[in-house]
Amino acid sequence: MEIQPLYDKIVVKRAEARDQTDSGIYLPGKEEAPQEGEVVAVSEGVPREDGSGKLRPLVIKKGNRVLFGKYSGTEISLEGEDLLILREEDILAILVPNAADVAF
């Protein structure tokens, strides 16, 4: 089953929680849910305010890796997969890979 968000909504699959930092330090205690994830679905857009009936596409695209607010969105489960539905304004940033880190 596919999900198609409406208006300014975005569906995100939350990144896996990490128990170790990049430098190898283990993080003890309760793991918090990460505030980043991958966009799996985006709405077609929101109606323009000029009354033309045309849609303004969202800045966020499917496949983007994004950061979002800690208490943002609504958690859902679809076919056993945990997802988060966010508004476009809940997205804080798009994570862009560093060109030096990308292998060609």
N, C-alpha and C. Protein backbone atom coordinates (compact mmCIF):
# COMPACT_ATOMS: atom_id res chain seq x y z
N MET A 1 0.84 -1.17 0.00
CA MET A 1 0.00 0.00 0.00
C MET A 1 0.89 1.23 0.00
N GLU A 2 0.48 2.25 -0.76
CA GLU A 2 1.21 3.51 -0.80
C GLU A 2 0.44 4.56 -0.03
N ILE A 3 1.14 5.57 0.42
CA ILE A 3 0.50 6.67 1.13
C ILE A 3 0.73 7.95 0.34
N GLN A 4 -0.33 8.74 0.15
CA GLN A 4 -0.24 10.01 -0.56
C GLN A 4 -0.70 11.11 0.39
N PRO A 5 0.25 11.87 0.96
CA PRO A 5 -0.13 12.95 1.87
C PRO A 5 -0.87 14.07 1.14
N LEU A 6 -1.65 14.83 1.89
CA LEU A 6 -2.43 15.93 1.33
C LEU A 6 -1.87 17.28 1.77
N TYR A 7 -2.20 18.31 0.99
CA TYR A 7 -1.85 19.71 1.27
C TYR A 7 -0.35 19.88 1.50
N ASP A 8 0.07 20.33 2.67
CA ASP A 8 1.49 20.61 2.92
C ASP A 8 2.16 19.50 3.73
N LYS A 9 1.65 18.28 3.63
CA LYS A 9 2.15 17.17 4.45
C LYS A 9 3.26 16.39 3.75
N ILE A 10 4.14 15.83 4.58
CA ILE A 10 5.29 15.05 4.13
C ILE A 10 5.37 13.81 5.00
N VAL A 11 5.65 12.65 4.42
CA VAL A 11 5.79 11.41 5.17
C VAL A 11 7.27 11.07 5.25
N VAL A 12 7.75 10.83 6.49
CA VAL A 12 9.17 10.59 6.73
C VAL A 12 9.35 9.27 7.46
N LYS A 13 10.36 8.52 7.04
CA LYS A 13 10.77 7.32 7.77
C LYS A 13 11.94 7.74 8.65
N ARG A 14 11.72 7.64 9.96
CA ARG A 14 12.72 8.08 10.92
C ARG A 14 13.99 7.23 10.81
N ALA A 15 15.15 7.86 10.95
CA ALA A 15 16.44 7.16 10.93
C ALA A 15 16.55 6.26 12.15
N GLU A 16 17.35 5.23 12.04
CA GLU A 16 17.58 4.31 13.15
C GLU A 16 18.32 5.03 14.28
N ALA A 17 17.95 4.71 15.51
CA ALA A 17 18.64 5.27 16.67
C ALA A 17 20.05 4.71 16.75
N ARG A 18 20.98 5.56 17.13
CA ARG A 18 22.38 5.14 17.22
C ARG A 18 22.79 5.03 18.67
N ASP A 19 23.62 4.03 18.97
CA ASP A 19 24.13 3.89 20.33
C ASP A 19 25.63 4.14 20.39
N GLN A 20 26.20 4.65 19.28
CA GLN A 20 27.62 4.92 19.22
C GLN A 20 27.84 6.15 18.35
N THR A 21 28.76 7.03 18.76
CA THR A 21 29.08 8.21 17.98
C THR A 21 30.00 7.84 16.83
N ASP A 22 30.21 8.78 15.91
CA ASP A 22 31.12 8.55 14.79
C ASP A 22 32.54 8.24 15.25
N SER A 23 32.92 8.80 16.39
CA SER A 23 34.28 8.59 16.90
C SER A 23 34.42 7.30 17.70
N GLY A 24 33.32 6.53 17.87
CA GLY A 24 33.40 5.24 18.53
C GLY A 24 32.99 5.22 19.99
N ILE A 25 32.51 6.34 20.51
CA ILE A 25 32.09 6.40 21.91
C ILE A 25 30.68 5.82 22.02
N TYR A 26 30.50 4.86 22.94
CA TYR A 26 29.18 4.27 23.16
C TYR A 26 28.34 5.18 24.05
N LEU A 27 27.09 5.34 23.68
CA LEU A 27 26.17 6.20 24.42
C LEU A 27 25.29 5.34 25.33
N PRO A 28 25.49 5.43 26.64
CA PRO A 28 24.71 4.60 27.56
C PRO A 28 23.30 5.15 27.77
N GLY A 29 22.45 4.32 28.31
CA GLY A 29 21.12 4.78 28.71
C GLY A 29 20.10 4.70 27.60
N LYS A 30 18.97 5.29 27.91
CA LYS A 30 17.83 5.25 27.00
C LYS A 30 18.13 6.02 25.71
N GLU A 31 17.84 5.37 24.62
CA GLU A 31 18.04 6.01 23.32
C GLU A 31 16.82 6.85 22.97
N GLU A 32 17.08 8.07 22.53
CA GLU A 32 15.99 8.92 22.06
C GLU A 32 15.81 8.69 20.57
N ALA A 33 14.60 8.88 20.10
CA ALA A 33 14.34 8.75 18.67
C ALA A 33 15.07 9.87 17.94
N PRO A 34 15.73 9.54 16.86
CA PRO A 34 16.46 10.57 16.11
C PRO A 34 15.50 11.59 15.49
N GLN A 35 16.01 12.77 15.28
CA GLN A 35 15.22 13.85 14.71
C GLN A 35 15.56 14.04 13.24
N GLU A 36 15.94 12.95 12.60
CA GLU A 36 16.21 13.00 11.17
C GLU A 36 15.63 11.76 10.51
N GLY A 37 15.41 11.88 9.21
CA GLY A 37 14.86 10.75 8.49
C GLY A 37 14.85 10.99 7.00
N GLU A 38 14.31 10.01 6.28
CA GLU A 38 14.24 10.09 4.82
C GLU A 38 12.79 10.30 4.40
N VAL A 39 12.59 11.22 3.48
CA VAL A 39 11.25 11.52 2.97
C VAL A 39 10.82 10.38 2.05
N VAL A 40 9.67 9.76 2.34
CA VAL A 40 9.16 8.66 1.53
C VAL A 40 7.95 9.06 0.68
N ALA A 41 7.31 10.18 1.02
CA ALA A 41 6.17 10.65 0.22
C ALA A 41 5.96 12.14 0.47
N VAL A 42 5.54 12.85 -0.57
CA VAL A 42 5.31 14.30 -0.49
C VAL A 42 4.00 14.59 -1.20
N SER A 43 3.25 15.55 -0.68
CA SER A 43 1.99 15.92 -1.33
C SER A 43 2.26 16.62 -2.66
N GLU A 44 1.22 16.78 -3.45
CA GLU A 44 1.35 17.44 -4.75
C GLU A 44 1.56 18.94 -4.60
N GLY A 45 1.24 19.49 -3.45
CA GLY A 45 1.44 20.91 -3.21
C GLY A 45 0.25 21.53 -2.49
N VAL A 46 0.38 22.82 -2.23
CA VAL A 46 -0.68 23.55 -1.55
C VAL A 46 -1.26 24.59 -2.51
N PRO A 47 -2.55 24.89 -2.41
CA PRO A 47 -3.15 25.89 -3.29
C PRO A 47 -2.49 27.26 -3.10
N ARG A 48 -2.24 27.93 -4.21
CA ARG A 48 -1.65 29.29 -4.15
C ARG A 48 -2.67 30.24 -3.53
N GLU A 49 -2.17 31.27 -2.88
CA GLU A 49 -3.04 32.23 -2.20
C GLU A 49 -3.68 33.23 -3.15
N ASP A 50 -3.27 33.23 -4.43
CA ASP A 50 -3.82 34.20 -5.37
C ASP A 50 -5.19 33.79 -5.91
N GLY A 51 -5.69 32.62 -5.50
CA GLY A 51 -7.01 32.17 -5.92
C GLY A 51 -7.05 31.57 -7.31
N SER A 52 -5.89 31.33 -7.91
CA SER A 52 -5.83 30.80 -9.27
C SER A 52 -6.18 29.32 -9.33
N GLY A 53 -6.16 28.64 -8.19
CA GLY A 53 -6.44 27.22 -8.16
C GLY A 53 -5.22 26.37 -8.47
N LYS A 54 -4.11 27.01 -8.82
CA LYS A 54 -2.87 26.28 -9.10
C LYS A 54 -2.20 25.90 -7.79
N LEU A 55 -1.39 24.84 -7.84
CA LEU A 55 -0.69 24.37 -6.65
C LEU A 55 0.74 24.89 -6.61
N ARG A 56 1.19 25.21 -5.40
CA ARG A 56 2.59 25.57 -5.16
C ARG A 56 3.28 24.29 -4.71
N PRO A 57 4.26 23.79 -5.48
CA PRO A 57 4.93 22.55 -5.07
C PRO A 57 5.75 22.77 -3.80
N LEU A 58 5.94 21.70 -3.03
CA LEU A 58 6.73 21.79 -1.81
C LEU A 58 8.21 21.81 -2.15
N VAL A 59 9.00 22.41 -1.27
CA VAL A 59 10.45 22.47 -1.45
C VAL A 59 11.06 21.09 -1.23
N ILE A 60 10.51 20.34 -0.29
CA ILE A 60 11.00 19.01 0.06
C ILE A 60 10.61 18.01 -1.03
N LYS A 61 11.53 17.14 -1.39
CA LYS A 61 11.27 16.12 -2.41
C LYS A 61 11.45 14.73 -1.83
N LYS A 62 10.81 13.75 -2.44
CA LYS A 62 10.94 12.36 -2.03
C LYS A 62 12.42 11.96 -2.13
N GLY A 63 12.92 11.28 -1.10
CA GLY A 63 14.31 10.86 -1.08
C GLY A 63 15.23 11.80 -0.30
N ASN A 64 14.77 13.04 -0.02
CA ASN A 64 15.59 13.97 0.77
C ASN A 64 15.80 13.43 2.16
N ARG A 65 16.95 13.69 2.73
CA ARG A 65 17.24 13.39 4.14
C ARG A 65 17.02 14.70 4.88
N VAL A 66 16.18 14.70 5.91
CA VAL A 66 15.77 15.95 6.56
C VAL A 66 15.92 15.89 8.07
N LEU A 67 15.99 17.06 8.68
CA LEU A 67 15.94 17.24 10.12
C LEU A 67 14.59 17.85 10.46
N PHE A 68 13.99 17.41 11.57
CA PHE A 68 12.69 17.95 11.97
C PHE A 68 12.67 18.16 13.47
N GLY A 69 11.70 18.92 13.93
CA GLY A 69 11.56 19.24 15.35
C GLY A 69 11.31 18.00 16.20
N LYS A 70 11.77 18.05 17.44
CA LYS A 70 11.70 16.91 18.35
C LYS A 70 10.28 16.40 18.56
N TYR A 71 9.33 17.29 18.72
CA TYR A 71 7.95 16.88 19.01
C TYR A 71 7.02 17.15 17.83
N SER A 72 7.57 17.16 16.63
CA SER A 72 6.79 17.47 15.43
C SER A 72 6.10 16.23 14.88
N GLY A 73 5.00 16.45 14.20
CA GLY A 73 4.36 15.42 13.42
C GLY A 73 3.48 14.44 14.18
N THR A 74 2.95 13.52 13.41
CA THR A 74 2.07 12.48 13.92
C THR A 74 2.65 11.13 13.52
N GLU A 75 2.86 10.26 14.51
CA GLU A 75 3.42 8.94 14.24
C GLU A 75 2.31 8.00 13.78
N ILE A 76 2.60 7.24 12.72
CA ILE A 76 1.66 6.24 12.21
C ILE A 76 2.42 4.95 11.94
N SER A 77 1.68 3.87 11.79
CA SER A 77 2.26 2.59 11.40
C SER A 77 1.50 2.12 10.17
N LEU A 78 2.23 1.84 9.10
CA LEU A 78 1.62 1.42 7.85
C LEU A 78 2.30 0.13 7.40
N GLU A 79 1.55 -0.96 7.40
CA GLU A 79 2.07 -2.27 7.04
C GLU A 79 3.32 -2.63 7.85
N GLY A 80 3.27 -2.35 9.15
CA GLY A 80 4.35 -2.70 10.05
C GLY A 80 5.53 -1.74 10.04
N GLU A 81 5.46 -0.68 9.25
CA GLU A 81 6.56 0.28 9.17
C GLU A 81 6.14 1.56 9.91
N ASP A 82 7.00 2.04 10.82
CA ASP A 82 6.71 3.26 11.57
C ASP A 82 7.10 4.47 10.75
N LEU A 83 6.14 5.36 10.55
CA LEU A 83 6.35 6.57 9.76
C LEU A 83 5.91 7.78 10.56
N LEU A 84 6.28 8.95 10.06
CA LEU A 84 5.94 10.20 10.70
C LEU A 84 5.36 11.13 9.64
N ILE A 85 4.18 11.70 9.91
CA ILE A 85 3.59 12.67 8.98
C ILE A 85 3.86 14.06 9.55
N LEU A 86 4.54 14.89 8.75
CA LEU A 86 4.93 16.24 9.15
C LEU A 86 4.35 17.28 8.21
N ARG A 87 4.22 18.49 8.70
CA ARG A 87 3.88 19.61 7.84
C ARG A 87 5.18 20.14 7.24
N GLU A 88 5.09 20.78 6.12
CA GLU A 88 6.29 21.34 5.48
C GLU A 88 7.03 22.27 6.44
N GLU A 89 6.32 23.03 7.22
CA GLU A 89 6.96 23.98 8.13
C GLU A 89 7.66 23.30 9.32
N ASP A 90 7.38 22.00 9.57
CA ASP A 90 8.06 21.26 10.63
C ASP A 90 9.46 20.81 10.24
N ILE A 91 9.76 20.84 8.94
CA ILE A 91 11.09 20.45 8.47
C ILE A 91 12.03 21.62 8.74
N LEU A 92 13.11 21.34 9.47
CA LEU A 92 14.08 22.37 9.84
C LEU A 92 15.17 22.54 8.79
N ALA A 93 15.58 21.44 8.16
CA ALA A 93 16.67 21.50 7.19
C ALA A 93 16.69 20.24 6.32
N ILE A 94 17.26 20.39 5.14
CA ILE A 94 17.54 19.26 4.26
C ILE A 94 19.02 18.96 4.42
N LEU A 95 19.36 17.69 4.67
CA LEU A 95 20.76 17.30 4.80
C LEU A 95 21.32 17.03 3.41
N VAL A 96 22.32 17.81 3.02
CA VAL A 96 22.93 17.68 1.70
C VAL A 96 24.28 17.00 1.88
N PRO A 97 24.54 15.89 1.16
CA PRO A 97 25.83 15.23 1.31
C PRO A 97 26.96 16.14 0.85
N ASN A 98 28.07 16.06 1.55
CA ASN A 98 29.26 16.83 1.19
C ASN A 98 29.82 16.24 -0.11
N ALA A 99 30.13 17.10 -1.06
CA ALA A 99 30.64 16.64 -2.35
C ALA A 99 31.90 15.78 -2.19
N ALA A 100 32.71 16.07 -1.18
CA ALA A 100 33.94 15.30 -0.95
C ALA A 100 33.63 13.90 -0.45
N ASP A 101 32.47 13.69 0.17
CA ASP A 101 32.10 12.38 0.71
C ASP A 101 31.43 11.48 -0.32
N VAL A 102 31.02 12.05 -1.45
CA VAL A 102 30.29 11.28 -2.44
C VAL A 102 31.27 10.58 -3.37
N ALA A 103 31.16 9.27 -3.47
CA ALA A 103 32.03 8.49 -4.37
C ALA A 103 31.40 8.41 -5.75
N PHE A 104 32.21 8.61 -6.76
CA PHE A 104 31.71 8.54 -8.13
C PHE A 104 32.11 7.27 -8.78
